[in-house]
């Protein structure tokens, strides 16, 4: 069962959506559903640990190359001083569930 939704998107997003639909042969609705499915759940404990350590950063869809480069440089700085590895985050999450 599908639920009908109306959304507002920027003109640039509409153009991108139309290009994707045309080049992939899928409907605009399929592309929107796939994009939504690809977004992580904010309650994911591993994602929360990565976010808290600055190892993951959400960059808006309107990010330009300069903003993306700045985000990448922040990531590199954070990785150099990180104290919580992914395996440690998983172990801590498992201990918290006990």
Protein backbone atom coordinates (compact mmCIF):
# COMPACT_ATOMS: atom_id res chain seq x y z
CA UNK A 1 0.00 0.00 0.00
CA UNK A 2 1.29 3.45 -0.88
CA UNK A 3 0.40 6.73 0.79
CA UNK A 4 0.15 9.85 -1.36
CA UNK A 5 2.31 12.80 -0.25
CA UNK A 6 2.81 16.28 -1.65
CA UNK A 7 6.24 17.82 -1.13
CA UNK A 8 7.96 21.10 -1.87
CA UNK A 9 11.35 20.95 -3.53
CA UNK A 10 13.67 23.61 -4.90
CA UNK A 11 13.82 24.16 -8.66
CA UNK A 12 17.33 22.64 -8.72
CA UNK A 13 16.04 19.54 -6.97
CA UNK A 14 13.18 19.24 -9.44
CA UNK A 15 15.59 19.46 -12.36
CA UNK A 16 17.83 16.82 -10.80
CA UNK A 17 14.85 14.57 -10.08
CA UNK A 18 13.65 14.83 -13.68
CA UNK A 19 17.16 14.10 -15.03
CA UNK A 20 17.49 11.05 -12.78
CA UNK A 21 14.08 9.76 -13.78
CA UNK A 22 14.84 10.20 -17.46
CA UNK A 23 18.32 8.68 -17.40
CA UNK A 24 17.40 5.73 -15.17
CA UNK A 25 13.97 4.98 -16.59
CA UNK A 26 12.39 5.13 -13.14
CA UNK A 27 9.56 7.30 -11.92
CA UNK A 28 10.20 10.38 -9.83
CA UNK A 29 8.33 8.71 -6.97
CA UNK A 30 10.65 5.67 -7.12
CA UNK A 31 13.70 7.91 -6.92
CA UNK A 32 12.29 9.80 -3.94
CA UNK A 33 11.45 6.53 -2.15
CA UNK A 34 14.95 5.16 -2.80
CA UNK A 35 16.53 8.37 -1.52
CA UNK A 36 14.44 8.20 1.64
CA UNK A 37 15.33 4.55 2.16
CA UNK A 38 19.02 5.42 1.82
CA UNK A 39 18.90 7.93 4.69
CA UNK A 40 20.09 6.53 8.01
CA UNK A 41 17.84 6.34 11.03
CA UNK A 42 18.96 8.86 13.63
CA UNK A 43 18.38 6.32 16.40
CA UNK A 44 21.06 4.01 14.98
CA UNK A 45 23.61 3.66 17.83
CA UNK A 46 26.56 3.12 15.50
CA UNK A 47 25.65 6.20 13.49
CA UNK A 48 25.20 8.18 16.72
CA UNK A 49 28.69 7.12 17.87
CA UNK A 50 30.21 8.08 14.53
CA UNK A 51 28.42 11.44 14.57
CA UNK A 52 29.50 12.16 18.13
CA UNK A 53 33.13 11.55 17.18
CA UNK A 54 32.89 13.72 14.07
CA UNK A 55 33.55 10.77 11.77
CA UNK A 56 30.30 11.28 9.87
CA UNK A 57 28.90 14.63 8.81
CA UNK A 58 25.70 15.36 6.97
CA UNK A 59 26.28 17.82 4.16
CA UNK A 60 23.18 19.33 2.62
CA UNK A 61 22.19 18.46 -0.92
CA UNK A 62 23.00 22.03 -1.94
CA UNK A 63 26.61 21.74 -0.77
CA UNK A 64 29.08 23.07 -3.28
CA UNK A 65 32.59 21.69 -3.84
CA UNK A 66 34.10 24.21 -1.41
CA UNK A 67 31.71 23.13 1.36
CA UNK A 68 32.36 19.47 0.62
CA UNK A 69 36.12 20.07 0.77
CA UNK A 70 35.75 21.90 4.10
CA UNK A 71 33.71 18.99 5.49
CA UNK A 72 36.39 16.56 4.32
CA UNK A 73 39.14 18.63 5.99
CA UNK A 74 37.16 18.65 9.28
CA UNK A 75 36.86 14.87 8.96
CA UNK A 76 40.61 14.45 8.46
CA UNK A 77 41.36 16.61 11.51
CA UNK A 78 38.92 14.59 13.62
CA UNK A 79 40.31 11.23 12.49
CA UNK A 80 43.77 12.31 13.60
CA UNK A 81 42.61 12.79 17.18
CA UNK A 82 39.83 10.25 17.47
CA UNK A 83 39.53 8.24 20.65
CA UNK A 84 36.60 6.02 19.80
CA UNK A 85 36.96 3.46 17.03
CA UNK A 86 34.03 1.79 15.33
CA UNK A 87 34.67 -1.52 17.06
CA UNK A 88 34.84 0.28 20.41
CA UNK A 89 31.55 2.04 19.66
CA UNK A 90 29.90 -1.30 18.90
CA UNK A 91 31.27 -2.88 22.08
CA UNK A 92 30.05 0.03 24.20
CA UNK A 93 26.64 -0.12 22.58
CA UNK A 94 26.38 -3.85 23.28
CA UNK A 95 27.39 -3.32 26.92
CA UNK A 96 24.75 -0.62 27.27
CA UNK A 97 22.08 -3.05 26.04
CA UNK A 98 22.84 -5.56 28.79
